[in-house]
Protein backbone atom coordinates (compact mmCIF):
# COMPACT_ATOMS: atom_id res chain seq x y z
CA UNK A 1 -6.35 13.93 -2.54
CA UNK A 2 -4.88 11.00 -4.43
CA UNK A 3 -5.09 7.24 -3.77
CA UNK A 4 -2.82 4.38 -4.79
CA UNK A 5 -3.92 0.74 -4.82
CA UNK A 6 -1.70 -2.33 -4.96
CA UNK A 7 -2.84 -5.95 -5.21
CA UNK A 8 -0.45 -8.34 -3.45
CA UNK A 9 0.09 -12.09 -3.51
CA UNK A 10 2.05 -13.72 -0.69
CA UNK A 11 2.63 -17.03 1.05
CA UNK A 12 1.99 -16.05 4.69
CA UNK A 13 -0.86 -13.79 5.88
CA UNK A 14 0.81 -13.17 9.26
CA UNK A 15 4.03 -12.06 7.58
CA UNK A 16 2.07 -9.78 5.26
CA UNK A 17 0.28 -8.21 8.23
CA UNK A 18 3.58 -7.71 10.04
CA UNK A 19 5.06 -6.14 6.92
CA UNK A 20 2.15 -3.70 6.68
CA UNK A 21 2.58 -2.73 10.32
CA UNK A 22 6.32 -2.20 9.79
CA UNK A 23 5.70 -0.20 6.60
CA UNK A 24 3.21 2.28 8.08
CA UNK A 25 5.88 4.55 9.65
CA UNK A 26 7.74 4.62 6.31
CA UNK A 27 4.53 5.32 4.40
CA UNK A 28 3.56 8.06 6.84
CA UNK A 29 7.05 9.61 6.67
CA UNK A 30 6.70 9.72 2.88
CA UNK A 31 3.62 11.92 3.28
CA UNK A 32 0.69 9.49 3.25
CA UNK A 33 -2.50 10.44 5.07
CA UNK A 34 -3.82 6.88 5.55
CA UNK A 35 -2.93 3.27 4.81
CA UNK A 36 -5.48 0.46 4.61
CA UNK A 37 -5.16 -3.21 3.68
CA UNK A 38 -7.95 -5.65 2.88
CA UNK A 39 -7.64 -9.43 2.60
CA UNK A 40 -9.06 -10.39 -0.79
CA UNK A 41 -8.30 -14.12 -0.57
CA UNK A 42 -6.34 -16.64 1.46
CA UNK A 43 -3.03 -15.35 0.11
CA UNK A 44 -3.97 -12.03 -1.50
CA UNK A 45 -4.60 -8.50 -0.30
CA UNK A 46 -5.15 -5.00 -1.64
CA UNK A 47 -3.62 -1.92 -0.07
CA UNK A 48 -4.95 1.60 -0.41
CA UNK A 49 -2.81 4.58 0.49
CA UNK A 50 -4.29 8.07 0.50
CA UNK A 51 -1.93 10.92 -0.28
CA UNK A 52 -2.39 14.68 -0.24
CA UNK A 53 -1.65 14.83 -3.99
CA UNK A 54 -0.34 12.87 -6.96
CA UNK A 55 3.16 14.36 -6.79
CA UNK A 56 3.69 13.15 -3.22
CA UNK A 57 2.44 9.67 -4.13
CA UNK A 58 4.53 9.39 -7.29
CA UNK A 59 7.68 10.46 -5.45
CA UNK A 60 7.28 7.69 -2.86
CA UNK A 61 5.25 4.74 -4.04
CA UNK A 62 7.78 2.75 -6.11
CA UNK A 63 10.33 2.81 -3.31
CA UNK A 64 7.72 1.84 -0.73
CA UNK A 65 6.50 -1.10 -2.82
CA UNK A 66 10.10 -2.29 -3.28
CA UNK A 67 10.73 -2.02 0.47
CA UNK A 68 7.64 -4.10 1.22
CA UNK A 69 8.73 -6.79 -1.23
CA UNK A 70 12.14 -6.98 0.46
CA UNK A 71 10.53 -7.54 3.87
CA UNK A 72 8.50 -10.66 3.03
CA UNK A 73 7.78 -13.18 0.29
CA UNK A 74 5.31 -11.09 -1.70
CA UNK A 75 4.79 -9.70 -5.16
CA UNK A 76 2.63 -6.93 -6.53
CA UNK A 77 0.11 -8.35 -9.00
CA UNK A 78 -1.82 -5.18 -9.83
CA UNK A 79 -1.30 -1.46 -9.48
CA UNK A 80 -3.63 1.47 -10.05
CA UNK A 81 -4.10 5.02 -8.77
CA UNK A 82 -6.27 8.08 -9.16
CA UNK A 83 -7.79 11.21 -7.70
CA UNK A 84 -10.00 10.50 -4.70
CA UNK A 85 -13.59 11.28 -5.69
CA UNK A 86 -15.52 10.61 -2.46
CA UNK A 87 -14.54 10.07 1.18
CA UNK A 88 -17.26 9.45 3.74
CA UNK A 89 -15.04 8.82 6.75
């Protein structure tokens, strides 16, 4: 499995939450296995999307990030990704 992480900065936490809720069906349709978001500050968050593999993630992630940025006043401030090493769900 493969995970992508995006750090976001935005002006409205409620709008960011609503955007995440609206994005989940799109993320799922693109092949994601899970989507998590964590507040990291008063106007920042980090998302983690788990994918079955790198190819699926790479085919979808840029378009999904762009769609999220169109839905609310937000910008991506950091991006990273890698093979999932451990998962104790």
